[in-house]
Amino acid sequence: MEKSEGDMASKNYENGTSEKNEREVVMDKTENGGLAIEKTEINGTLELDMKAVSNKEPEINYRGWKAMPFIIGNETFEKLGAIGTLANLLIYLTSVFNMKSITAATIINIFNGTTNFGTMLGAYLCDTYFGRYKTLGFATITSFLGLQTIQLTAAIHKLHPHHCAAESATCEGPTVGQMAFLLCGFGLMIIGAGGVRPCNLAFGADQFNPETESGKKGINSFFNWYFFTYTFAQMVSLTLIVYVQSNVSWAIGLAIPALLMFIACVLFFMGSKIYVKVKATGSPMTSVAQVIAVAIKKRRLKQPDHPWLSLFNYIPPTSINSKLPYSHQFR
């Protein structure tokens, strides 16, 4: 009886040890990718079941310059549309909407300030929730709708006040409905700019592999092309489009930027199948806020002799975003 109990305890110990070793082997093989060995004992016979296990993420297919015609084309036409409308906006508000110069300048200043703030909010939403591709697609469509709304205020007579004659002592200003329709166009443009500005450069750089020499050269060349097209868009907008608006027709002059923005939308979505779409991994602003909060909370904590040995430097394997290494530069 004692021998039987001892044998059973010995077998249980061996089974427990074997089971533990099996789990360790399987976990080790799974973590590194390769073959996982499953051991099964039936009637004293040990059977080995080898299964291929791989946890590697699919490789990112960087298309590089193949995606650039769509991205650079989208950015060029987007800048032509936006700058073409905003460059002459003060004249439009004073001549078509019969506003005083101070009122028109105030509206434009509020628009510019809100657009800059919207860029910060758009960057946070992009990094935290939506990613660059979805943010850029939504923002480009919204910008087109905003430009089209402003163009309708010039094309449809009921959406702007009657023309003020030169000899008239008083001019009729915009009604509440006309002003509301115009502000809707401004609001859509603010939303669009808040999504386009923080994403267009980064989205173009995402298409190149930053770990290869050709990818690094491609990123540098893309930046050069970006600023070249930005300068070209400014030159065309401040000359040709402004001339049409001031000397031909406001309806035609504002329809041209809206049409250019529509082309930007089409070009952007034409390349959807070949884009590298980086998923949202969290906003850096959240980390900055956490660092500030912890720094205040632990401001009296003594610093270790070798702080770089205790840094938490985790980078998700699916992320292609790089992070700055530890440095004594700002000490």
C-alpha atoms as a PDB file:
ATOM      1  CA  MET A   1       0.000   0.000   0.000  1.00  0.00           C
ATOM      2  CA  GLU A   2       2.826   2.371   0.873  1.00  0.00           C
ATOM      3  CA  LYS A   3       4.697   1.386  -2.301  1.00  0.00           C
ATOM      4  CA  SER A   4       1.620   1.991  -4.401  1.00  0.00           C
ATOM      5  CA  GLU A   5       1.114   5.444  -2.935  1.00  0.00           C
ATOM      6  CA  GLY A   6       4.816   6.223  -3.487  1.00  0.00           C
ATOM      7  CA  ASP A   7       4.603   5.108  -7.109  1.00  0.00           C
ATOM      8  CA  MET A   8       1.530   7.274  -7.667  1.00  0.00           C
ATOM      9  CA  ALA A   9       3.236  10.292  -6.111  1.00  0.00           C
ATOM     10  CA  SER A  10       6.315   9.670  -8.246  1.00  0.00           C
ATOM     11  CA  LYS A  11       4.202   9.461 -11.396  1.00  0.00           C
ATOM     12  CA  ASN A  12       2.294  12.608 -10.479  1.00  0.00           C
ATOM     13  CA  TYR A  13       5.577  14.413  -9.905  1.00  0.00           C
ATOM     14  CA  GLU A  14       6.952  13.204 -13.240  1.00  0.00           C
ATOM     15  CA  ASN A  15       3.733  14.105 -15.060  1.00  0.00           C
ATOM     16  CA  GLY A  16       3.709  17.546 -13.454  1.00  0.00           C
ATOM     17  CA  THR A  17       7.361  18.088 -14.371  1.00  0.00           C
ATOM     18  CA  SER A  18       6.805  16.857 -17.918  1.00  0.00           C
ATOM     19  CA  GLU A  19       3.723  19.029 -18.310  1.00  0.00           C
ATOM     20  CA  LYS A  20       5.612  22.037 -17.002  1.00  0.00           C
ATOM     21  CA  ASN A  21       8.516  21.432 -19.399  1.00  0.00           C
ATOM     22  CA  GLU A  22       6.127  21.009 -22.317  1.00  0.00           C
ATOM     23  CA  ARG A  23       4.503  24.348 -21.552  1.00  0.00           C
ATOM     24  CA  GLU A  24       7.877  26.034 -21.308  1.00  0.00           C
ATOM     25  CA  VAL A  25       8.987  24.595 -24.660  1.00  0.00           C
ATOM     26  CA  VAL A  26       5.795  25.583 -26.396  1.00  0.00           C
ATOM     27  CA  MET A  27       5.904  29.109 -24.979  1.00  0.00           C
ATOM     28  CA  ASP A  28       9.561  29.540 -25.939  1.00  0.00           C
ATOM     29  CA  LYS A  29       8.992  28.320 -29.475  1.00  0.00           C
ATOM     30  CA  THR A  30       5.890  30.433 -29.878  1.00  0.00           C
ATOM     31  CA  GLU A  31       7.624  33.590 -28.774  1.00  0.00           C
ATOM     32  CA  ASN A  32      10.475  33.143 -31.229  1.00  0.00           C
ATOM     33  CA  GLY A  33       8.428  31.694 -34.042  1.00  0.00           C
ATOM     34  CA  GLY A  34       9.142  28.271 -35.565  1.00  0.00           C
ATOM     35  CA  LEU A  35       7.963  24.793 -34.494  1.00  0.00           C
ATOM     36  CA  ALA A  36       5.927  23.958 -31.415  1.00  0.00           C
ATOM     37  CA  ILE A  37       6.170  20.379 -30.124  1.00  0.00           C
ATOM     38  CA  GLU A  38       3.129  18.940 -28.401  1.00  0.00           C
ATOM     39  CA  LYS A  39       3.799  15.795 -26.341  1.00  0.00           C
ATOM     40  CA  THR A  40       0.998  13.309 -25.695  1.00  0.00           C
ATOM     41  CA  GLU A  41       1.347  10.011 -23.822  1.00  0.00           C
ATOM     42  CA  ILE A  42      -1.236   7.317 -24.627  1.00  0.00           C
ATOM     43  CA  ASN A  43      -0.889   3.818 -23.080  1.00  0.00           C
ATOM     44  CA  GLY A  44       2.776   4.421 -22.391  1.00  0.00           C
ATOM     45  CA  THR A  45       3.520   5.578 -25.960  1.00  0.00           C
ATOM     46  CA  LEU A  46       4.904   9.071 -26.391  1.00  0.00           C
ATOM     47  CA  GLU A  47       3.594  10.851 -29.475  1.00  0.00           C
ATOM     48  CA  LEU A  48       5.097  14.059 -30.821  1.00  0.00           C
ATOM     49  CA  ASP A  49       2.940  16.485 -32.748  1.00  0.00           C
ATOM     50  CA  MET A  50       4.993  19.187 -34.466  1.00  0.00           C
ATOM     51  CA  LYS A  51       3.104  22.292 -35.515  1.00  0.00           C
ATOM     52  CA  ALA A  52       4.367  25.356 -37.291  1.00  0.00           C
ATOM     53  CA  VAL A  53       3.887  28.422 -35.149  1.00  0.00           C
ATOM     54  CA  SER A  54       4.698  31.946 -36.239  1.00  0.00           C
ATOM     55  CA  ASN A  55       3.838  35.214 -34.551  1.00  0.00           C
ATOM     56  CA  LYS A  56       5.648  37.491 -36.996  1.00  0.00           C
ATOM     57  CA  GLU A  57       3.709  40.430 -38.303  1.00  0.00           C
ATOM     58  CA  PRO A  58       3.253  40.616 -42.090  1.00  0.00           C
ATOM     59  CA  GLU A  59       5.960  42.652 -43.755  1.00  0.00           C
ATOM     60  CA  ILE A  60       5.083  46.198 -44.740  1.00  0.00           C
ATOM     61  CA  ASN A  61       5.153  46.649 -48.494  1.00  0.00           C
ATOM     62  CA  TYR A  62       6.638  50.095 -49.006  1.00  0.00           C
ATOM     63  CA  ARG A  63       5.680  51.315 -52.477  1.00  0.00           C
ATOM     64  CA  GLY A  64       7.754  54.476 -52.205  1.00  0.00           C
ATOM     65  CA  TRP A  65       7.674  56.574 -55.363  1.00  0.00           C
ATOM     66  CA  LYS A  66       4.804  54.568 -56.834  1.00  0.00           C
ATOM     67  CA  ALA A  67       2.518  56.256 -54.301  1.00  0.00           C
ATOM     68  CA  MET A  68       3.989  59.730 -54.755  1.00  0.00           C
ATOM     69  CA  PRO A  69       1.952  60.808 -57.833  1.00  0.00           C
ATOM     70  CA  PHE A  70      -1.219  60.444 -55.777  1.00  0.00           C
ATOM     71  CA  ILE A  71       0.144  62.026 -52.589  1.00  0.00           C
ATOM     72  CA  ILE A  72       2.043  64.907 -54.188  1.00  0.00           C
ATOM     73  CA  GLY A  73      -0.828  65.481 -56.627  1.00  0.00           C
ATOM     74  CA  ASN A  74      -3.291  65.576 -53.743  1.00  0.00           C
ATOM     75  CA  GLU A  75      -1.157  68.052 -51.796  1.00  0.00           C
ATOM     76  CA  THR A  76      -0.591  70.292 -54.834  1.00  0.00           C
ATOM     77  CA  PHE A  77      -4.253  70.581 -55.752  1.00  0.00           C
ATOM     78  CA  GLU A  78      -5.246  70.915 -52.092  1.00  0.00           C
ATOM     79  CA  LYS A  79      -2.881  73.874 -51.662  1.00  0.00           C
ATOM     80  CA  LEU A  80      -4.076  75.431 -54.934  1.00  0.00           C
ATOM     81  CA  GLY A  81      -7.670  75.207 -53.735  1.00  0.00           C
ATOM     82  CA  ALA A  82      -7.119  76.465 -50.199  1.00  0.00           C
ATOM     83  CA  ILE A  83      -4.704  79.296 -51.000  1.00  0.00           C
ATOM     84  CA  GLY A  84      -6.722  80.299 -54.065  1.00  0.00           C
ATOM     85  CA  THR A  85      -9.747  80.969 -51.865  1.00  0.00           C
ATOM     86  CA  LEU A  86      -8.084  82.456 -48.791  1.00  0.00           C
ATOM     87  CA  ALA A  87      -5.665  84.769 -50.616  1.00  0.00           C
ATOM     88  CA  ASN A  88      -8.378  87.179 -51.761  1.00  0.00           C
ATOM     89  CA  LEU A  89     -10.920  86.596 -49.033  1.00  0.00           C
ATOM     90  CA  LEU A  90     -10.720  90.072 -47.508  1.00  0.00           C
ATOM     91  CA  ILE A  91     -11.665  91.680 -50.836  1.00  0.00           C
ATOM     92  CA  TYR A  92     -14.505  89.207 -51.262  1.00  0.00           C
ATOM     93  CA  LEU A  93     -16.045  90.012 -47.884  1.00  0.00           C
ATOM     94  CA  THR A  94     -15.853  93.773 -48.391  1.00  0.00           C
ATOM     95  CA  SER A  95     -16.976  93.873 -52.026  1.00  0.00           C
ATOM     96  CA  VAL A  96     -19.553  91.078 -52.217  1.00  0.00           C
ATOM     97  CA  PHE A  97     -20.822  90.851 -48.628  1.00  0.00           C
ATOM     98  CA  ASN A  98     -20.583  94.635 -48.111  1.00  0.00           C
ATOM     99  CA  MET A  99     -18.700  94.276 -44.821  1.00  0.00           C
ATOM    100  CA  LYS A 100     -16.576  96.967 -43.270  1.00  0.00           C
ATOM    101  CA  SER A 101     -12.834  96.363 -43.519  1.00  0.00           C
ATOM    102  CA  ILE A 102     -12.481  96.005 -39.750  1.00  0.00           C
ATOM    103  CA  THR A 103     -15.290  93.410 -39.624  1.00  0.00           C
ATOM    104  CA  ALA A 104     -13.850  91.414 -42.510  1.00  0.00           C
ATOM    105  CA  ALA A 105     -10.354  91.506 -41.011  1.00  0.00           C
ATOM    106  CA  THR A 106     -11.706  90.318 -37.655  1.00  0.00           C
ATOM    107  CA  ILE A 107     -13.486  87.362 -39.278  1.00  0.00           C
ATOM    108  CA  ILE A 108     -10.324  86.361 -41.159  1.00  0.00           C
ATOM    109  CA  ASN A 109      -8.188  86.625 -38.015  1.00  0.00           C
ATOM    110  CA  ILE A 110     -10.629  84.458 -36.066  1.00  0.00           C
ATOM    111  CA  PHE A 111     -10.636  81.982 -38.955  1.00  0.00           C
ATOM    112  CA  ASN A 112      -6.823  81.788 -39.028  1.00  0.00           C
ATOM    113  CA  GLY A 113      -6.535  81.446 -35.257  1.00  0.00           C
ATOM    114  CA  THR A 114      -9.188  78.741 -35.086  1.00  0.00           C
ATOM    115  CA  THR A 115      -7.502  76.888 -37.948  1.00  0.00           C
ATOM    116  CA  ASN A 116      -4.194  76.832 -36.068  1.00  0.00           C
ATOM    117  CA  PHE A 117      -5.913  75.507 -32.950  1.00  0.00           C
ATOM    118  CA  GLY A 118      -7.811  72.954 -35.034  1.00  0.00           C
ATOM    119  CA  THR A 119      -4.481  71.657 -36.331  1.00  0.00           C
ATOM    120  CA  MET A 120      -3.454  70.691 -32.797  1.00  0.00           C
ATOM    121  CA  LEU A 121      -6.777  68.965 -32.175  1.00  0.00           C
ATOM    122  CA  GLY A 122      -6.597  67.191 -35.539  1.00  0.00           C
ATOM    123  CA  ALA A 123      -3.092  65.917 -34.791  1.00  0.00           C
ATOM    124  CA  TYR A 124      -4.247  64.519 -31.439  1.00  0.00           C
ATOM    125  CA  LEU A 125      -7.257  62.737 -32.953  1.00  0.00           C
ATOM    126  CA  CYS A 126      -5.140  61.393 -35.808  1.00  0.00           C
ATOM    127  CA  ASP A 127      -2.429  59.922 -33.572  1.00  0.00           C
ATOM    128  CA  THR A 128      -4.827  58.611 -30.942  1.00  0.00           C
ATOM    129  CA  TYR A 129      -7.850  57.255 -32.797  1.00  0.00           C
ATOM    130  CA  PHE A 130      -8.043  57.426 -36.587  1.00  0.00           C
ATOM    131  CA  GLY A 131      -4.595  57.276 -38.182  1.00  0.00           C
ATOM    132  CA  ARG A 132      -3.297  59.476 -40.991  1.00  0.00           C
ATOM    133  CA  TYR A 133      -5.088  57.852 -43.927  1.00  0.00           C
ATOM    134  CA  LYS A 134      -8.599  58.194 -42.518  1.00  0.00           C
ATOM    135  CA  THR A 135      -7.904  61.679 -41.173  1.00  0.00           C
ATOM    136  CA  LEU A 136      -6.548  62.912 -44.513  1.00  0.00           C
ATOM    137  CA  GLY A 137      -9.418  61.388 -46.479  1.00  0.00           C
ATOM    138  CA  PHE A 138     -12.069  62.914 -44.233  1.00  0.00           C
ATOM    139  CA  ALA A 139     -10.308  66.297 -44.087  1.00  0.00           C
ATOM    140  CA  THR A 140      -9.881  66.542 -47.853  1.00  0.00           C
ATOM    141  CA  ILE A 141     -13.576  65.889 -48.456  1.00  0.00           C
ATOM    142  CA  THR A 142     -14.511  68.399 -45.748  1.00  0.00           C
ATOM    143  CA  SER A 143     -12.245  71.038 -47.308  1.00  0.00           C
ATOM    144  CA  PHE A 144     -13.922  70.506 -50.673  1.00  0.00           C
ATOM    145  CA  LEU A 145     -17.357  70.935 -49.109  1.00  0.00           C
ATOM    146  CA  GLY A 146     -16.197  74.139 -47.406  1.00  0.00           C
ATOM    147  CA  LEU A 147     -14.832  75.629 -50.630  1.00  0.00           C
ATOM    148  CA  GLN A 148     -17.972  74.632 -52.494  1.00  0.00           C
ATOM    149  CA  THR A 149     -20.125  76.290 -49.838  1.00  0.00           C
ATOM    150  CA  ILE A 150     -18.195  79.555 -50.150  1.00  0.00           C
ATOM    151  CA  GLN A 151     -18.414  79.354 -53.938  1.00  0.00           C
ATOM    152  CA  LEU A 152     -22.202  79.042 -53.731  1.00  0.00           C
ATOM    153  CA  THR A 153     -22.373  82.311 -51.794  1.00  0.00           C
ATOM    154  CA  ALA A 154     -20.945  84.013 -54.871  1.00  0.00           C
ATOM    155  CA  ALA A 155     -22.853  82.045 -57.517  1.00  0.00           C
ATOM    156  CA  ILE A 156     -26.357  82.261 -55.991  1.00  0.00           C
ATOM    157  CA  HIS A 157     -27.672  85.808 -55.614  1.00  0.00           C
ATOM    158  CA  LYS A 158     -29.876  84.994 -52.616  1.00  0.00           C
ATOM    159  CA  LEU A 159     -26.831  83.886 -50.622  1.00  0.00           C
ATOM    160  CA  HIS A 160     -25.135  87.315 -50.660  1.00  0.00           C
ATOM    161  CA  PRO A 161     -26.365  90.930 -50.297  1.00  0.00           C
ATOM    162  CA  HIS A 162     -27.279  93.106 -53.261  1.00  0.00           C
ATOM    163  CA  HIS A 163     -24.413  94.831 -54.980  1.00  0.00           C
ATOM    164  CA  CYS A 164     -23.577  98.185 -53.421  1.00  0.00           C
ATOM    165  CA  ALA A 165     -23.385 100.943 -56.027  1.00  0.00           C
ATOM    166  CA  ALA A 166     -20.478 103.339 -55.890  1.00  0.00           C
ATOM    167  CA  GLU A 167     -22.729 106.396 -55.526  1.00  0.00           C
ATOM    168  CA  SER A 168     -24.860 104.812 -52.800  1.00  0.00           C
ATOM    169  CA  ALA A 169     -24.468 106.337 -49.345  1.00  0.00           C
ATOM    170  CA  THR A 170     -25.568 103.192 -47.499  1.00  0.00           C
ATOM    171  CA  CYS A 171     -25.012  99.549 -48.368  1.00  0.00           C
ATOM    172  CA  GLU A 172     -27.119  96.580 -47.382  1.00  0.00           C
ATOM    173  CA  GLY A 173     -25.214  94.086 -45.263  1.00  0.00           C
ATOM    174  CA  PRO A 174     -25.671  90.309 -45.149  1.00  0.00           C
ATOM    175  CA  THR A 175     -28.739  88.810 -43.520  1.00  0.00           C
ATOM    176  CA  VAL A 176     -28.538  86.300 -40.700  1.00  0.00           C
ATOM    177  CA  GLY A 177     -29.138  83.415 -43.099  1.00  0.00           C
ATOM    178  CA  GLN A 178     -26.500  84.602 -45.550  1.00  0.00           C
ATOM    179  CA  MET A 179     -23.979  85.062 -42.782  1.00  0.00           C
ATOM    180  CA  ALA A 180     -24.774  81.635 -41.320  1.00  0.00           C
ATOM    181  CA  PHE A 181     -24.264  79.967 -44.708  1.00  0.00           C
ATOM    182  CA  LEU A 182     -20.919  81.727 -45.149  1.00  0.00           C
ATOM    183  CA  LEU A 183     -19.768  80.734 -41.663  1.00  0.00           C
ATOM    184  CA  CYS A 184     -20.708  77.117 -42.384  1.00  0.00           C
ATOM    185  CA  GLY A 185     -18.246  77.223 -45.267  1.00  0.00           C
ATOM    186  CA  PHE A 186     -15.573  78.642 -42.966  1.00  0.00           C
ATOM    187  CA  GLY A 187     -16.307  75.966 -40.367  1.00  0.00           C
ATOM    188  CA  LEU A 188     -15.917  73.159 -42.903  1.00  0.00           C
ATOM    189  CA  MET A 189     -12.621  74.636 -44.055  1.00  0.00           C
ATOM    190  CA  ILE A 190     -11.389  74.806 -40.457  1.00  0.00           C
ATOM    191  CA  ILE A 191     -12.199  71.121 -39.949  1.00  0.00           C
ATOM    192  CA  GLY A 192     -10.496  70.245 -43.222  1.00  0.00           C
ATOM    193  CA  ALA A 193      -7.362  72.246 -42.467  1.00  0.00           C
ATOM    194  CA  GLY A 194      -7.198  70.727 -38.970  1.00  0.00           C
ATOM    195  CA  GLY A 195      -6.914  67.281 -40.535  1.00  0.00           C
ATOM    196  CA  VAL A 196      -4.747  68.059 -43.566  1.00  0.00           C
ATOM    197  CA  ARG A 197      -2.001  70.192 -42.033  1.00  0.00           C
ATOM    198  CA  PRO A 198      -0.675  67.763 -39.397  1.00  0.00           C
ATOM    199  CA  CYS A 199      -0.942  64.668 -41.603  1.00  0.00           C
ATOM    200  CA  ASN A 200       0.106  65.381 -45.197  1.00  0.00           C
ATOM    201  CA  LEU A 201       3.883  65.508 -44.657  1.00  0.00           C
ATOM    202  CA  ALA A 202       3.942  62.535 -42.261  1.00  0.00           C
ATOM    203  CA  PHE A 203       1.684  60.452 -44.512  1.00  0.00           C
ATOM    204  CA  GLY A 204       4.018  60.966 -47.464  1.00  0.00           C
ATOM    205  CA  ALA A 205       7.049  59.986 -45.370  1.00  0.00           C
ATOM    206  CA  ASP A 206       5.225  56.806 -44.263  1.00  0.00           C
ATOM    207  CA  GLN A 207       5.440  55.463 -47.820  1.00  0.00           C
ATOM    208  CA  PHE A 208       9.230  55.005 -47.614  1.00  0.00           C
ATOM    209  CA  ASN A 209      11.177  52.480 -45.577  1.00  0.00           C
ATOM    210  CA  PRO A 210      13.176  54.508 -43.020  1.00  0.00           C
ATOM    211  CA  GLU A 211      15.567  51.590 -42.407  1.00  0.00           C
ATOM    212  CA  THR A 212      17.042  51.505 -45.923  1.00  0.00           C
ATOM    213  CA  GLU A 213      19.278  53.979 -47.726  1.00  0.00           C
ATOM    214  CA  SER A 214      16.884  54.264 -50.652  1.00  0.00           C
ATOM    215  CA  GLY A 215      14.029  54.929 -48.242  1.00  0.00           C
ATOM    216  CA  LYS A 216      15.945  57.675 -46.448  1.00  0.00           C
ATOM    217  CA  LYS A 217      16.825  59.322 -49.763  1.00  0.00           C
ATOM    218  CA  GLY A 218      13.196  58.997 -50.833  1.00  0.00           C
ATOM    219  CA  ILE A 219      12.002  60.813 -47.699  1.00  0.00           C
ATOM    220  CA  ASN A 220      14.430  63.672 -48.317  1.00  0.00           C
ATOM    221  CA  SER A 221      13.352  63.938 -51.943  1.00  0.00           C
ATOM    222  CA  PHE A 222       9.708  63.898 -50.921  1.00  0.00           C
ATOM    223  CA  PHE A 223      10.267  66.848 -48.582  1.00  0.00           C
ATOM    224  CA  ASN A 224      11.919  68.758 -51.434  1.00  0.00           C
ATOM    225  CA  TRP A 225       8.998  68.043 -53.761  1.00  0.00           C
ATOM    226  CA  TYR A 226       6.507  68.997 -51.059  1.00  0.00           C
ATOM    227  CA  PHE A 227       7.941  72.479 -50.564  1.00  0.00           C
ATOM    228  CA  PHE A 228       8.402  72.936 -54.305  1.00  0.00           C
ATOM    229  CA  THR A 229       4.727  72.188 -54.956  1.00  0.00           C
ATOM    230  CA  TYR A 230       3.741  74.440 -52.026  1.00  0.00           C
ATOM    231  CA  THR A 231       5.655  77.343 -53.576  1.00  0.00           C
ATOM    232  CA  PHE A 232       4.180  76.567 -57.002  1.00  0.00           C
ATOM    233  CA  ALA A 233       0.655  76.546 -55.541  1.00  0.00           C
ATOM    234  CA  GLN A 234       1.246  79.928 -53.909  1.00  0.00           C
ATOM    235  CA  MET A 235       2.551  81.426 -57.142  1.00  0.00           C
ATOM    236  CA  VAL A 236      -0.400  80.211 -59.208  1.00  0.00           C
ATOM    237  CA  SER A 237      -2.997  81.104 -56.574  1.00  0.00           C
ATOM    238  CA  LEU A 238      -1.699  84.615 -55.928  1.00  0.00           C
ATOM    239  CA  THR A 239      -1.557  85.457 -59.639  1.00  0.00           C
ATOM    240  CA  LEU A 240      -3.929  83.575 -61.934  1.00  0.00           C
ATOM    241  CA  ILE A 241      -6.730  82.678 -59.532  1.00  0.00           C
ATOM    242  CA  VAL A 242      -6.717  86.094 -57.832  1.00  0.00           C
ATOM    243  CA  TYR A 243      -6.826  87.764 -61.269  1.00  0.00           C
ATOM    244  CA  VAL A 244      -9.895  85.755 -62.290  1.00  0.00           C
ATOM    245  CA  GLN A 245     -11.642  86.587 -59.018  1.00  0.00           C
ATOM    246  CA  SER A 246     -10.957  90.319 -59.197  1.00  0.00           C
ATOM    247  CA  ASN A 247     -11.365  90.931 -62.935  1.00  0.00           C
ATOM    248  CA  VAL A 248     -13.598  88.227 -64.388  1.00  0.00           C
ATOM    249  CA  SER A 249     -16.098  86.806 -61.887  1.00  0.00           C
ATOM    250  CA  TRP A 250     -16.185  85.848 -58.237  1.00  0.00           C
ATOM    251  CA  ALA A 251     -18.363  82.842 -59.049  1.00  0.00           C
ATOM    252  CA  ILE A 252     -15.811  81.502 -61.553  1.00  0.00           C
ATOM    253  CA  GLY A 253     -12.838  82.562 -59.448  1.00  0.00           C
ATOM    254  CA  LEU A 254     -14.125  80.609 -56.419  1.00  0.00           C
ATOM    255  CA  ALA A 255     -15.282  77.663 -58.539  1.00  0.00           C
ATOM    256  CA  ILE A 256     -11.711  77.051 -59.713  1.00  0.00           C
ATOM    257  CA  PRO A 257     -10.351  76.349 -56.182  1.00  0.00           C
ATOM    258  CA  ALA A 258     -13.358  74.138 -55.427  1.00  0.00           C
ATOM    259  CA  LEU A 259     -12.713  72.159 -58.627  1.00  0.00           C
ATOM    260  CA  LEU A 260      -9.019  71.823 -57.759  1.00  0.00           C
ATOM    261  CA  MET A 261      -9.926  70.522 -54.300  1.00  0.00           C
ATOM    262  CA  PHE A 262     -12.254  67.964 -55.875  1.00  0.00           C
ATOM    263  CA  ILE A 263      -9.354  66.755 -58.042  1.00  0.00           C
ATOM    264  CA  ALA A 264      -7.267  66.478 -54.854  1.00  0.00           C
ATOM    265  CA  CYS A 265      -9.940  64.200 -53.352  1.00  0.00           C
ATOM    266  CA  VAL A 266     -10.022  61.992 -56.431  1.00  0.00           C
ATOM    267  CA  LEU A 267      -6.232  61.654 -56.593  1.00  0.00           C
ATOM    268  CA  PHE A 268      -5.980  60.792 -52.914  1.00  0.00           C
ATOM    269  CA  PHE A 269      -8.480  57.927 -53.028  1.00  0.00           C
ATOM    270  CA  MET A 270      -7.125  56.578 -56.326  1.00  0.00           C
ATOM    271  CA  GLY A 271      -3.972  55.472 -54.512  1.00  0.00           C
ATOM    272  CA  SER A 272      -5.728  53.870 -51.545  1.00  0.00           C
ATOM    273  CA  LYS A 273      -4.688  50.318 -52.467  1.00  0.00           C
ATOM    274  CA  ILE A 274      -0.952  51.031 -52.472  1.00  0.00           C
ATOM    275  CA  TYR A 275      -0.624  53.314 -49.433  1.00  0.00           C
ATOM    276  CA  VAL A 276       1.165  52.284 -46.260  1.00  0.00           C
ATOM    277  CA  LYS A 277      -1.454  53.014 -43.591  1.00  0.00           C
ATOM    278  CA  VAL A 278       0.099  53.368 -40.163  1.00  0.00           C
ATOM    279  CA  LYS A 279      -2.377  52.631 -37.395  1.00  0.00           C
ATOM    280  CA  ALA A 280      -2.942  55.083 -34.584  1.00  0.00           C
ATOM    281  CA  THR A 281      -0.634  54.246 -31.672  1.00  0.00           C
ATOM    282  CA  GLY A 282      -1.484  57.044 -29.252  1.00  0.00           C
ATOM    283  CA  SER A 283      -0.767  60.711 -29.111  1.00  0.00           C
ATOM    284  CA  PRO A 284       2.633  61.914 -27.836  1.00  0.00           C
ATOM    285  CA  MET A 285       0.772  64.691 -26.008  1.00  0.00           C
ATOM    286  CA  THR A 286      -0.622  62.066 -23.639  1.00  0.00           C
ATOM    287  CA  SER A 287       2.908  60.925 -22.790  1.00  0.00           C
ATOM    288  CA  VAL A 288       4.036  64.532 -22.340  1.00  0.00           C
ATOM    289  CA  ALA A 289       1.184  65.166 -19.893  1.00  0.00           C
ATOM    290  CA  GLN A 290       2.045  61.982 -18.001  1.00  0.00           C
ATOM    291  CA  VAL A 291       5.721  62.967 -17.777  1.00  0.00           C
ATOM    292  CA  ILE A 292       4.839  66.415 -16.435  1.00  0.00           C
ATOM    293  CA  ALA A 293       2.444  64.962 -13.857  1.00  0.00           C
ATOM    294  CA  VAL A 294       4.949  62.349 -12.660  1.00  0.00           C
ATOM    295  CA  ALA A 295       7.808  64.878 -12.626  1.00  0.00           C
ATOM    296  CA  ILE A 296       5.803  67.149 -10.319  1.00  0.00           C
ATOM    297  CA  LYS A 297       4.723  64.249  -8.117  1.00  0.00           C
ATOM    298  CA  LYS A 298       8.273  62.854  -7.752  1.00  0.00           C
ATOM    299  CA  ARG A 299      10.182  66.131  -7.880  1.00  0.00           C
ATOM    300  CA  ARG A 300      12.004  65.310  -4.623  1.00  0.00           C
ATOM    301  CA  LEU A 301      13.015  61.801  -5.633  1.00  0.00           C
ATOM    302  CA  LYS A 302      16.777  61.266  -5.777  1.00  0.00           C
ATOM    303  CA  GLN A 303      18.069  60.530  -9.250  1.00  0.00           C
ATOM    304  CA  PRO A 304      19.977  57.228  -9.703  1.00  0.00           C
ATOM    305  CA  ASP A 305      23.647  57.256 -10.722  1.00  0.00           C
ATOM    306  CA  HIS A 306      22.891  55.585 -14.063  1.00  0.00           C
ATOM    307  CA  PRO A 307      19.385  56.713 -15.102  1.00  0.00           C
ATOM    308  CA  TRP A 308      19.555  55.170 -18.568  1.00  0.00           C
ATOM    309  CA  LEU A 309      19.602  51.675 -17.030  1.00  0.00           C
ATOM    310  CA  SER A 310      16.115  52.142 -15.550  1.00  0.00           C
ATOM    311  CA  LEU A 311      14.368  53.744 -18.537  1.00  0.00           C
ATOM    312  CA  PHE A 312      11.217  52.174 -19.909  1.00  0.00           C
ATOM    313  CA  ASN A 313      11.844  52.114 -23.660  1.00  0.00           C
ATOM    314  CA  TYR A 314       9.175  49.830 -25.046  1.00  0.00           C
ATOM    315  CA  ILE A 315       8.456  50.173 -28.779  1.00  0.00           C
ATOM    316  CA  PRO A 316       5.520  48.119 -30.155  1.00  0.00           C
ATOM    317  CA  PRO A 317       6.678  45.654 -32.855  1.00  0.00           C
ATOM    318  CA  THR A 318       3.941  46.867 -35.223  1.00  0.00           C
ATOM    319  CA  SER A 319       5.039  50.512 -35.004  1.00  0.00           C
ATOM    320  CA  ILE A 320       7.349  52.079 -37.580  1.00  0.00           C
ATOM    321  CA  ASN A 321       7.560  55.353 -35.675  1.00  0.00           C
ATOM    322  CA  SER A 322      10.979  56.076 -34.198  1.00  0.00           C
ATOM    323  CA  LYS A 323      11.598  57.572 -30.760  1.00  0.00           C
ATOM    324  CA  LEU A 324      14.398  59.802 -29.528  1.00  0.00           C
ATOM    325  CA  PRO A 325      17.063  57.998 -27.457  1.00  0.00           C
ATOM    326  CA  TYR A 326      18.179  59.090 -23.995  1.00  0.00           C
ATOM    327  CA  SER A 327      20.542  62.061 -24.113  1.00  0.00           C
ATOM    328  CA  HIS A 328      22.468  64.396 -21.760  1.00  0.00           C
ATOM    329  CA  GLN A 329      22.080  67.274 -24.215  1.00  0.00           C
ATOM    330  CA  PHE A 330      19.578  69.300 -22.179  1.00  0.00           C
ATOM    331  CA  ARG A 331      21.032  68.659 -18.712  1.00  0.00           C
END
